PDB file of N, CA and C in Angstrom:
ATOM      1  N   MET A   1     106.974 105.817 145.849  1.00  0.00           N
ATOM      2  CA  MET A   1     107.052 106.799 147.038  1.00  0.00           C
ATOM      3  C   MET A   1     107.302 108.001 146.534  1.00  0.00           C
ATOM      4  N   LYS A   2     107.896 108.654 145.586  1.00  0.00           N
ATOM      5  CA  LYS A   2     108.007 109.931 145.018  1.00  0.00           C
ATOM      6  C   LYS A   2     106.437 110.496 144.786  1.00  0.00           C
ATOM      7  N   ASN A   3     105.816 109.743 144.058  1.00  0.00           N
ATOM      8  CA  ASN A   3     104.470 110.393 143.688  1.00  0.00           C
ATOM      9  C   ASN A   3     103.605 110.555 145.090  1.00  0.00           C
ATOM     10  N   TYR A   4     103.703 109.769 146.135  1.00  0.00           N
ATOM     11  CA  TYR A   4     102.935 109.688 147.440  1.00  0.00           C
ATOM     12  C   TYR A   4     103.558 111.223 148.026  1.00  0.00           C
ATOM     13  N   ARG A   5     104.728 111.314 148.116  1.00  0.00           N
ATOM     14  CA  ARG A   5     105.561 112.368 148.622  1.00  0.00           C
ATOM     15  C   ARG A   5     105.099 113.803 147.880  1.00  0.00           C
ATOM     16  N   ARG A   6     105.292 113.772 146.646  1.00  0.00           N
ATOM     17  CA  ARG A   6     104.544 114.779 145.784  1.00  0.00           C
ATOM     18  C   ARG A   6     102.937 115.333 146.217  1.00  0.00           C
ATOM     19  N   PHE A   7     102.400 114.145 146.029  1.00  0.00           N
ATOM     20  CA  PHE A   7     101.169 114.327 146.403  1.00  0.00           C
ATOM     21  C   PHE A   7     100.756 114.991 147.844  1.00  0.00           C
ATOM     22  N   LEU A   8     101.512 114.393 148.764  1.00  0.00           N
ATOM     23  CA  LEU A   8     101.494 114.997 150.339  1.00  0.00           C
ATOM     24  C   LEU A   8     101.798 116.433 150.325  1.00  0.00           C
ATOM     25  N   TYR A   9     102.824 116.789 149.724  1.00  0.00           N
ATOM     26  CA  TYR A   9     103.315 118.223 149.733  1.00  0.00           C
ATOM     27  C   TYR A   9     102.396 118.993 148.949  1.00  0.00           C
ATOM     28  N   SER A  10     101.936 118.516 147.988  1.00  0.00           N
ATOM     29  CA  SER A  10     100.921 119.411 147.185  1.00  0.00           C
ATOM     30  C   SER A  10      99.521 119.589 147.920  1.00  0.00           C
ATOM     31  N   THR A  11      99.198 118.598 148.690  1.00  0.00           N
ATOM     32  CA  THR A  11      97.851 118.923 149.322  1.00  0.00           C
ATOM     33  C   THR A  11      98.011 119.553 150.636  1.00  0.00           C
ATOM     34  N   LEU A  12      99.295 119.452 151.510  1.00  0.00           N
ATOM     35  CA  LEU A  12      99.398 120.203 152.516  1.00  0.00           C
ATOM     36  C   LEU A  12      99.721 121.828 152.101  1.00  0.00           C
ATOM     37  N   GLU A  13     100.280 121.967 151.066  1.00  0.00           N
ATOM     38  CA  GLU A  13     100.584 123.320 150.823  1.00  0.00           C
ATOM     39  C   GLU A  13      99.025 124.086 150.465  1.00  0.00           C
ATOM     40  N   THR A  14      98.327 123.239 149.567  1.00  0.00           N
ATOM     41  CA  THR A  14      96.959 123.672 149.156  1.00  0.00           C
ATOM     42  C   THR A  14      96.051 123.845 150.452  1.00  0.00           C
ATOM     43  N   ARG A  15      96.235 123.149 151.471  1.00  0.00           N
ATOM     44  CA  ARG A  15      95.411 123.297 152.510  1.00  0.00           C
ATOM     45  C   ARG A  15      95.670 124.691 153.298  1.00  0.00           C
ATOM     46  N   PHE A  16      97.086 124.850 153.514  1.00  0.00           N
ATOM     47  CA  PHE A  16      97.301 125.873 154.405  1.00  0.00           C
ATOM     48  C   PHE A  16      97.121 127.097 153.289  1.00  0.00           C
ATOM     49  N   LYS A  17      97.420 127.167 152.280  1.00  0.00           N
ATOM     50  CA  LYS A  17      97.244 128.351 151.387  1.00  0.00           C
ATOM     51  C   LYS A  17      95.604 128.785 151.532  1.00  0.00           C
ATOM     52  N   THR A  18      94.849 127.623 151.563  1.00  0.00           N
ATOM     53  CA  THR A  18      93.343 127.850 151.700  1.00  0.00           C
ATOM     54  C   THR A  18      93.110 128.590 153.155  1.00  0.00           C
ATOM     55  N   ILE A  19      93.590 128.003 154.229  1.00  0.00           N
ATOM     56  CA  ILE A  19      93.426 128.661 155.462  1.00  0.00           C
ATOM     57  C   ILE A  19      93.857 130.266 155.377  1.00  0.00           C
ATOM     58  N   MET A  20      95.034 130.370 154.726  1.00  0.00           N
ATOM     59  CA  MET A  20      95.436 131.818 154.503  1.00  0.00           C
ATOM     60  C   MET A  20      94.408 132.645 153.784  1.00  0.00           C
ATOM     61  N   ILE A  21      94.025 132.209 152.763  1.00  0.00           N
ATOM     62  CA  ILE A  21      93.290 133.144 151.793  1.00  0.00           C
ATOM     63  C   ILE A  21      91.866 133.212 152.312  1.00  0.00           C
ATOM     64  N   GLY A  22      91.412 132.027 153.036  1.00  0.00           N
ATOM     65  CA  GLY A  22      90.104 132.013 153.523  1.00  0.00           C
ATOM     66  C   GLY A  22      89.917 132.937 154.759  1.00  0.00           C
ATOM     67  N   SER A  23      91.054 132.890 155.440  1.00  0.00           N
ATOM     68  CA  SER A  23      90.976 133.716 156.608  1.00  0.00           C
ATOM     69  C   SER A  23      90.987 135.594 156.151  1.00  0.00           C
ATOM     70  N   LEU A  24      91.714 135.575 155.214  1.00  0.00           N
ATOM     71  CA  LEU A  24      91.807 136.842 154.732  1.00  0.00           C
ATOM     72  C   LEU A  24      90.483 137.442 154.066  1.00  0.00           C
ATOM     73  N   ALA A  25      89.855 136.544 153.535  1.00  0.00           N
ATOM     74  CA  ALA A  25      88.429 136.903 152.694  1.00  0.00           C
ATOM     75  C   ALA A  25      87.394 137.232 154.062  1.00  0.00           C
ATOM     76  N   ARG A  26      87.569 136.392 155.060  1.00  0.00           N
ATOM     77  CA  ARG A  26      86.621 136.616 156.239  1.00  0.00           C
ATOM     78  C   ARG A  26      86.821 137.905 156.887  1.00  0.00           C
ATOM     79  N   VAL A  27      88.029 138.361 156.790  1.00  0.00           N
ATOM     80  CA  VAL A  27      88.544 139.655 157.387  1.00  0.00           C
ATOM     81  C   VAL A  27      87.864 140.849 156.346  1.00  0.00           C
ATOM     82  N   GLU A  28      87.950 140.453 155.122  1.00  0.00           N
ATOM     83  CA  GLU A  28      87.165 141.441 154.250  1.00  0.00           C
ATOM     84  C   GLU A  28      86.090 141.537 154.500  1.00  0.00           C
ATOM     85  N   GLN A  29      85.334 140.413 154.440  1.00  0.00           N
ATOM     86  CA  GLN A  29      83.812 140.380 154.620  1.00  0.00           C
ATOM     87  C   GLN A  29      83.295 141.111 155.605  1.00  0.00           C
ATOM     88  N   TYR A  30      84.009 141.177 157.043  1.00  0.00           N
ATOM     89  CA  TYR A  30      83.610 141.788 158.203  1.00  0.00           C
ATOM     90  C   TYR A  30      84.120 143.267 158.290  1.00  0.00           C
ATOM     91  N   PHE A  31      85.417 143.367 157.703  1.00  0.00           N
ATOM     92  CA  PHE A  31      85.791 144.872 158.162  1.00  0.00           C
ATOM     93  C   PHE A  31      85.940 145.667 156.445  1.00  0.00           C
ATOM     94  N   GLY A  32      85.670 145.017 155.591  1.00  0.00           N
ATOM     95  CA  GLY A  32      85.994 145.478 154.132  1.00  0.00           C
ATOM     96  C   GLY A  32      85.368 146.815 154.019  1.00  0.00           C
ATOM     97  N   TYR A  33      84.128 147.084 154.598  1.00  0.00           N
ATOM     98  CA  TYR A  33      83.437 148.298 154.432  1.00  0.00           C
ATOM     99  C   TYR A  33      84.552 149.570 154.896  1.00  0.00           C
ATOM    100  N   LEU A  34      85.357 149.362 155.759  1.00  0.00           N
ATOM    101  CA  LEU A  34      86.484 150.359 156.206  1.00  0.00           C
ATOM    102  C   LEU A  34      87.192 150.956 155.208  1.00  0.00           C
ATOM    103  N   TRP A  35      87.474 150.038 154.078  1.00  0.00           N
ATOM    104  CA  TRP A  35      88.398 150.317 153.000  1.00  0.00           C
ATOM    105  C   TRP A  35      87.644 150.452 151.549  1.00  0.00           C
ATOM    106  N   GLY A  36      86.321 150.358 151.881  1.00  0.00           N
ATOM    107  CA  GLY A  36      85.573 150.511 150.442  1.00  0.00           C
ATOM    108  C   GLY A  36      85.644 149.306 149.798  1.00  0.00           C
ATOM    109  N   HIS A  37      85.630 148.044 150.355  1.00  0.00           N
ATOM    110  CA  HIS A  37      85.921 146.826 149.538  1.00  0.00           C
ATOM    111  C   HIS A  37      84.697 146.544 148.496  1.00  0.00           C
ATOM    112  N   GLY A  38      84.935 146.452 147.340  1.00  0.00           N
ATOM    113  CA  GLY A  38      83.934 146.317 146.210  1.00  0.00           C
ATOM    114  C   GLY A  38      83.359 147.726 145.930  1.00  0.00           C
ATOM    115  N   GLU A  39      83.767 148.834 146.218  1.00  0.00           N
ATOM    116  CA  GLU A  39      83.230 149.860 145.729  1.00  0.00           C
ATOM    117  C   GLU A  39      84.462 150.677 144.846  1.00  0.00           C
ATOM    118  N   GLU A  40      83.678 151.350 144.000  1.00  0.00           N
ATOM    119  CA  GLU A  40      84.722 152.164 143.123  1.00  0.00           C
ATOM    120  C   GLU A  40      85.158 153.298 143.697  1.00  0.00           C
ATOM    121  N   GLU A  41      84.404 154.122 144.172  1.00  0.00           N
ATOM    122  CA  GLU A  41      84.759 155.575 144.870  1.00  0.00           C
ATOM    123  C   GLU A  41      84.955 155.214 146.285  1.00  0.00           C
ATOM    124  N   LEU A  42      86.109 155.994 146.552  1.00  0.00           N
ATOM    125  CA  LEU A  42      86.539 155.806 148.102  1.00  0.00           C
ATOM    126  C   LEU A  42      86.675 157.165 148.658  1.00  0.00           C
ATOM    127  N   THR A  43      86.533 157.180 149.882  1.00  0.00           N
ATOM    128  CA  THR A  43      86.529 158.517 150.641  1.00  0.00           C
ATOM    129  C   THR A  43      88.316 158.586 151.090  1.00  0.00           C
ATOM    130  N   ASP A  44      88.497 159.718 151.328  1.00  0.00           N
ATOM    131  CA  ASP A  44      90.210 159.752 151.795  1.00  0.00           C
ATOM    132  C   ASP A  44      90.457 158.783 152.989  1.00  0.00           C
ATOM    133  N   LYS A  45      89.516 158.630 153.886  1.00  0.00           N
ATOM    134  CA  LYS A  45      89.670 157.766 155.036  1.00  0.00           C
ATOM    135  C   LYS A  45      89.822 156.337 154.488  1.00  0.00           C
ATOM    136  N   GLN A  46      88.872 155.931 153.708  1.00  0.00           N
ATOM    137  CA  GLN A  46      88.787 154.552 153.015  1.00  0.00           C
ATOM    138  C   GLN A  46      90.141 154.369 152.433  1.00  0.00           C
ATOM    139  N   LYS A  47      90.561 155.209 151.713  1.00  0.00           N
ATOM    140  CA  LYS A  47      91.956 155.088 151.033  1.00  0.00           C
ATOM    141  C   LYS A  47      93.034 154.987 151.835  1.00  0.00           C
ATOM    142  N   GLU A  48      92.883 155.611 153.023  1.00  0.00           N
ATOM    143  CA  GLU A  48      94.051 155.461 154.009  1.00  0.00           C
ATOM    144  C   GLU A  48      93.929 153.925 154.649  1.00  0.00           C
ATOM    145  N   PHE A  49      92.640 153.435 154.861  1.00  0.00           N
ATOM    146  CA  PHE A  49      92.497 152.082 155.478  1.00  0.00           C
ATOM    147  C   PHE A  49      92.839 151.041 154.494  1.00  0.00           C
ATOM    148  N   ARG A  50      92.481 151.273 153.222  1.00  0.00           N
ATOM    149  CA  ARG A  50      92.945 150.560 152.143  1.00  0.00           C
ATOM    150  C   ARG A  50      94.346 150.362 152.109  1.00  0.00           C
ATOM    151  N   GLU A  51      95.064 151.451 151.969  1.00  0.00           N
ATOM    152  CA  GLU A  51      96.686 151.081 152.038  1.00  0.00           C
ATOM    153  C   GLU A  51      97.214 150.427 153.284  1.00  0.00           C
ATOM    154  N   LEU A  52      96.592 150.592 154.438  1.00  0.00           N
ATOM    155  CA  LEU A  52      96.934 149.844 155.691  1.00  0.00           C
ATOM    156  C   LEU A  52      96.680 148.348 155.420  1.00  0.00           C
ATOM    157  N   TRP A  53      95.257 148.051 154.881  1.00  0.00           N
ATOM    158  CA  TRP A  53      95.045 146.754 154.719  1.00  0.00           C
ATOM    159  C   TRP A  53      96.053 146.214 153.599  1.00  0.00           C
ATOM    160  N   GLU A  54      96.107 146.732 152.612  1.00  0.00           N
ATOM    161  CA  GLU A  54      97.066 145.900 151.530  1.00  0.00           C
ATOM    162  C   GLU A  54      98.493 145.732 152.277  1.00  0.00           C
ATOM    163  N   GLU A  55      98.853 146.561 153.059  1.00  0.00           N
ATOM    164  CA  GLU A  55     100.279 146.192 153.718  1.00  0.00           C
ATOM    165  C   GLU A  55     100.086 145.103 154.561  1.00  0.00           C
ATOM    166  N   LEU A  56      98.965 144.960 155.426  1.00  0.00           N
ATOM    167  CA  LEU A  56      98.858 143.949 156.257  1.00  0.00           C
ATOM    168  C   LEU A  56      98.667 142.567 155.341  1.00  0.00           C
ATOM    169  N   ARG A  57      97.866 142.837 154.704  1.00  0.00           N
ATOM    170  CA  ARG A  57      97.524 141.466 153.713  1.00  0.00           C
ATOM    171  C   ARG A  57      98.913 140.852 152.932  1.00  0.00           C
ATOM    172  N   THR A  58      99.537 141.791 152.632  1.00  0.00           N
ATOM    173  CA  THR A  58     100.957 141.280 152.012  1.00  0.00           C
ATOM    174  C   THR A  58     101.839 140.755 153.104  1.00  0.00           C
ATOM    175  N   GLU A  59     101.819 141.282 154.279  1.00  0.00           N
ATOM    176  CA  GLU A  59     102.420 140.620 155.492  1.00  0.00           C
ATOM    177  C   GLU A  59     102.166 139.311 155.730  1.00  0.00           C
ATOM    178  N   ILE A  60     100.953 139.205 155.857  1.00  0.00           N
ATOM    179  CA  ILE A  60     100.249 137.843 156.068  1.00  0.00           C
ATOM    180  C   ILE A  60     100.660 136.778 155.266  1.00  0.00           C
ATOM    181  N   LEU A  61     100.416 137.282 153.880  1.00  0.00           N
ATOM    182  CA  LEU A  61     100.576 136.110 152.828  1.00  0.00           C
ATOM    183  C   LEU A  61     102.217 135.975 152.742  1.00  0.00           C
ATOM    184  N   ASN A  62     103.070 136.832 153.081  1.00  0.00           N
ATOM    185  CA  ASN A  62     104.427 136.514 152.968  1.00  0.00           C
ATOM    186  C   ASN A  62     104.940 135.685 154.190  1.00  0.00           C
ATOM    187  N   HIS A  63     104.321 136.098 155.436  1.00  0.00           N
ATOM    188  CA  HIS A  63     104.675 135.191 156.342  1.00  0.00           C
ATOM    189  C   HIS A  63     104.157 133.805 156.475  1.00  0.00           C
ATOM    190  N   GLY A  64     102.869 133.493 155.916  1.00  0.00           N
ATOM    191  CA  GLY A  64     102.233 132.384 155.731  1.00  0.00           C
ATOM    192  C   GLY A  64     102.914 131.548 154.799  1.00  0.00           C
ATOM    193  N   ASN A  65     103.355 132.109 153.674  1.00  0.00           N
ATOM    194  CA  ASN A  65     104.142 131.208 152.577  1.00  0.00           C
ATOM    195  C   ASN A  65     105.586 130.901 153.031  1.00  0.00           C
ATOM    196  N   PHE A  66     106.231 131.872 153.776  1.00  0.00           N
ATOM    197  CA  PHE A  66     107.381 131.448 154.538  1.00  0.00           C
ATOM    198  C   PHE A  66     107.067 130.322 155.495  1.00  0.00           C
ATOM    199  N   GLN A  67     106.158 130.123 156.087  1.00  0.00           N
ATOM    200  CA  GLN A  67     105.900 129.006 157.263  1.00  0.00           C
ATOM    201  C   GLN A  67     105.522 127.811 156.422  1.00  0.00           C
ATOM    202  N   ILE A  68     104.853 127.967 155.420  1.00  0.00           N
ATOM    203  CA  ILE A  68     104.422 126.640 154.473  1.00  0.00           C
ATOM    204  C   ILE A  68     105.746 126.309 153.929  1.00  0.00           C
ATOM    205  N   ARG A  69     106.861 127.020 153.430  1.00  0.00           N
ATOM    206  CA  ARG A  69     108.080 126.320 152.901  1.00  0.00           C
ATOM    207  C   ARG A  69     108.930 125.810 153.941  1.00  0.00           C
ATOM    208  N   LYS A  70     108.767 126.510 155.154  1.00  0.00           N
ATOM    209  CA  LYS A  70     109.682 125.726 156.393  1.00  0.00           C
ATOM    210  C   LYS A  70     109.020 124.452 156.677  1.00  0.00           C
ATOM    211  N   GLY A  71     107.390 124.503 156.878  1.00  0.00           N
ATOM    212  CA  GLY A  71     106.881 123.262 157.233  1.00  0.00           C
ATOM    213  C   GLY A  71     106.996 122.234 156.262  1.00  0.00           C
ATOM    214  N   LEU A  72     106.914 122.514 154.971  1.00  0.00           N
ATOM    215  CA  LEU A  72     107.316 121.410 153.965  1.00  0.00           C
ATOM    216  C   LEU A  72     108.797 120.763 153.906  1.00  0.00           C
ATOM    217  N   ASP A  73     109.588 121.733 154.240  1.00  0.00           N
ATOM    218  CA  ASP A  73     111.176 121.179 154.509  1.00  0.00           C
ATOM    219  C   ASP A  73     111.200 120.453 155.708  1.00  0.00           C
ATOM    220  N   GLU A  74     110.465 120.687 156.795  1.00  0.00           N
ATOM    221  CA  GLU A  74     110.595 119.789 157.903  1.00  0.00           C
ATOM    222  C   GLU A  74     109.784 118.355 157.656  1.00  0.00           C
ATOM    223  N   VAL A  75     108.771 118.498 156.803  1.00  0.00           N
ATOM    224  CA  VAL A  75     108.150 117.101 156.420  1.00  0.00           C
ATOM    225  C   VAL A  75     109.061 116.327 155.560  1.00  0.00           C
ATOM    226  N   ASP A  76     109.849 117.013 154.645  1.00  0.00           N
ATOM    227  CA  ASP A  76     110.870 116.520 153.752  1.00  0.00           C
ATOM    228  C   ASP A  76     111.858 115.803 154.615  1.00  0.00           C
ATOM    229  N   GLU A  77     112.452 116.540 155.600  1.00  0.00           N
ATOM    230  CA  GLU A  77     113.484 115.768 156.394  1.00  0.00           C
ATOM    231  C   GLU A  77     112.900 114.635 157.099  1.00  0.00           C
ATOM    232  N   ILE A  78     111.705 114.837 157.762  1.00  0.00           N
ATOM    233  CA  ILE A  78     111.037 113.438 158.370  1.00  0.00           C
ATOM    234  C   ILE A  78     110.987 112.335 157.486  1.00  0.00           C
ATOM    235  N   MET A  79     110.441 112.546 156.080  1.00  0.00           N
ATOM    236  CA  MET A  79     110.321 111.673 155.277  1.00  0.00           C
ATOM    237  C   MET A  79     111.574 110.982 154.766  1.00  0.00           C
ATOM    238  N   ASP A  80     112.564 111.999 154.759  1.00  0.00           N
ATOM    239  CA  ASP A  80     113.977 111.407 154.432  1.00  0.00           C
ATOM    240  C   ASP A  80     114.536 110.404 155.474  1.00  0.00           C
ATOM    241  N   ALA A  81     114.302 110.968 156.718  1.00  0.00           N
ATOM    242  CA  ALA A  81     114.828 110.047 157.775  1.00  0.00           C
ATOM    243  C   ALA A  81     114.208 108.757 157.934  1.00  0.00           C
ATOM    244  N   ASN A  82     112.819 108.639 157.488  1.00  0.00           N
ATOM    245  CA  ASN A  82     112.321 107.531 157.574  1.00  0.00           C
ATOM    246  C   ASN A  82     112.596 106.726 156.424  1.00  0.00           C
ATOM    247  N   ASP A  83     112.938 107.073 155.021  1.00  0.00           N
ATOM    248  CA  ASP A  83     113.507 106.349 153.955  1.00  0.00           C
ATOM    249  C   ASP A  83     114.731 105.658 154.296  1.00  0.00           C
ATOM    250  N   ASN A  84     115.780 106.446 155.099  1.00  0.00           N
ATOM    251  CA  ASN A  84     116.919 105.942 155.228  1.00  0.00           C
ATOM    252  C   ASN A  84     116.928 105.096 156.384  1.00  0.00           C
ATOM    253  N   ARG A  85     115.876 104.763 156.996  1.00  0.00           N
ATOM    254  CA  ARG A  85     115.982 103.960 158.285  1.00  0.00           C
ATOM    255  C   ARG A  85     115.855 102.530 157.839  1.00  0.00           C
ATOM    256  N   TYR A  86     116.760 101.807 158.739  1.00  0.00           N
ATOM    257  CA  TYR A  86     116.816 100.421 158.474  1.00  0.00           C
ATOM    258  C   TYR A  86     115.995  99.891 159.595  1.00  0.00           C
ATOM    259  N   GLU A  87     115.131  98.882 159.283  1.00  0.00           N
ATOM    260  CA  GLU A  87     114.403  98.009 160.236  1.00  0.00           C
ATOM    261  C   GLU A  87     114.929  96.529 160.084  1.00  0.00           C
ATOM    262  N   TYR A  88     115.096  96.030 161.330  1.00  0.00           N
ATOM    263  CA  TYR A  88     115.301  94.521 161.471  1.00  0.00           C
ATOM    264  C   TYR A  88     114.385  93.903 162.158  1.00  0.00           C
ATOM    265  N   LYS A  89     114.048  92.816 161.633  1.00  0.00           N
ATOM    266  CA  LYS A  89     112.968  91.750 162.390  1.00  0.00           C
ATOM    267  C   LYS A  89     113.702  90.563 162.693  1.00  0.00           C
ATOM    268  N   PHE A  90     113.658  90.435 163.853  1.00  0.00           N
ATOM    269  CA  PHE A  90     114.091  89.048 164.588  1.00  0.00           C
ATOM    270  C   PHE A  90     113.126  88.153 164.816  1.00  0.00           C
ATOM    271  N   ILE A  91     113.148  87.041 164.214  1.00  0.00           N
ATOM    272  CA  ILE A  91     112.101  86.014 164.338  1.00  0.00           C
ATOM    273  C   ILE A  91     112.723  85.306 165.390  1.00  0.00           C
ATOM    274  N   MET A  92     112.267  85.019 166.606  1.00  0.00           N
ATOM    275  CA  MET A  92     112.602  84.057 167.585  1.00  0.00           C
ATOM    276  C   MET A  92     111.966  82.743 167.260  1.00  0.00           C
ATOM    277  N   ASN A  93     112.665  81.745 167.559  1.00  0.00           N
ATOM    278  CA  ASN A  93     112.030  80.428 167.608  1.00  0.00           C
ATOM    279  C   ASN A  93     111.765  79.935 169.007  1.00  0.00           C
ATOM    280  N   ASN A  94     110.504  79.611 169.515  1.00  0.00           N
ATOM    281  CA  ASN A  94     110.320  79.370 171.074  1.00  0.00           C
ATOM    282  C   ASN A  94     110.610  77.892 171.139  1.00  0.00           C
ATOM    283  N   HIS A  95     111.146  77.202 170.278  1.00  0.00           N
ATOM    284  CA  HIS A  95     111.451  75.682 170.453  1.00  0.00           C
ATOM    285  C   HIS A  95     112.750  75.653 170.965  1.00  0.00           C
ATOM    286  N   ARG A  96     113.066  75.215 172.016  1.00  0.00           N
ATOM    287  CA  ARG A  96     114.620  74.945 172.304  1.00  0.00           C
ATOM    288  C   ARG A  96     115.097  73.300 171.960  1.00  0.00           C
ATOM    289  N   ARG A  97     116.164  73.456 171.668  1.00  0.00           N
ATOM    290  CA  ARG A  97     116.522  72.023 171.710  1.00  0.00           C
ATOM    291  C   ARG A  97     117.056  71.393 172.762  1.00  0.00           C
ATOM    292  N   GLU A  98     116.534  70.355 172.888  1.00  0.00           N
ATOM    293  CA  GLU A  98     116.768  69.248 174.292  1.00  0.00           C
ATOM    294  C   GLU A  98     117.828  68.400 173.663  1.00  0.00           C
ATOM    295  N   ARG A  99     118.735  68.310 174.741  1.00  0.00           N
ATOM    296  CA  ARG A  99     119.956  67.487 174.578  1.00  0.00           C
ATOM    297  C   ARG A  99     119.775  66.115 175.194  1.00  0.00           C
TER     298      ARG A  99
END
């Protein structure tokens, strides 16, 4: 069960990080020209936008990583609850004894 749990956590973490990074990459693809994405020489306005972008990007990554940790903790709690649950199976015999 531990290997399954480790695999599940790793897979979920990777998926959510991929969502975050992929989304940031698309913002850069569409709006990167504002801060000179991929350029070496920047105008003063591009430098200003670059600074704003870096702040926003950091906030997004920090928030996303925090939510990933909280989500994995919640999954862990659910998995622990299921591991500690007892299940009883009653087998009923439909034959009655006749006297």
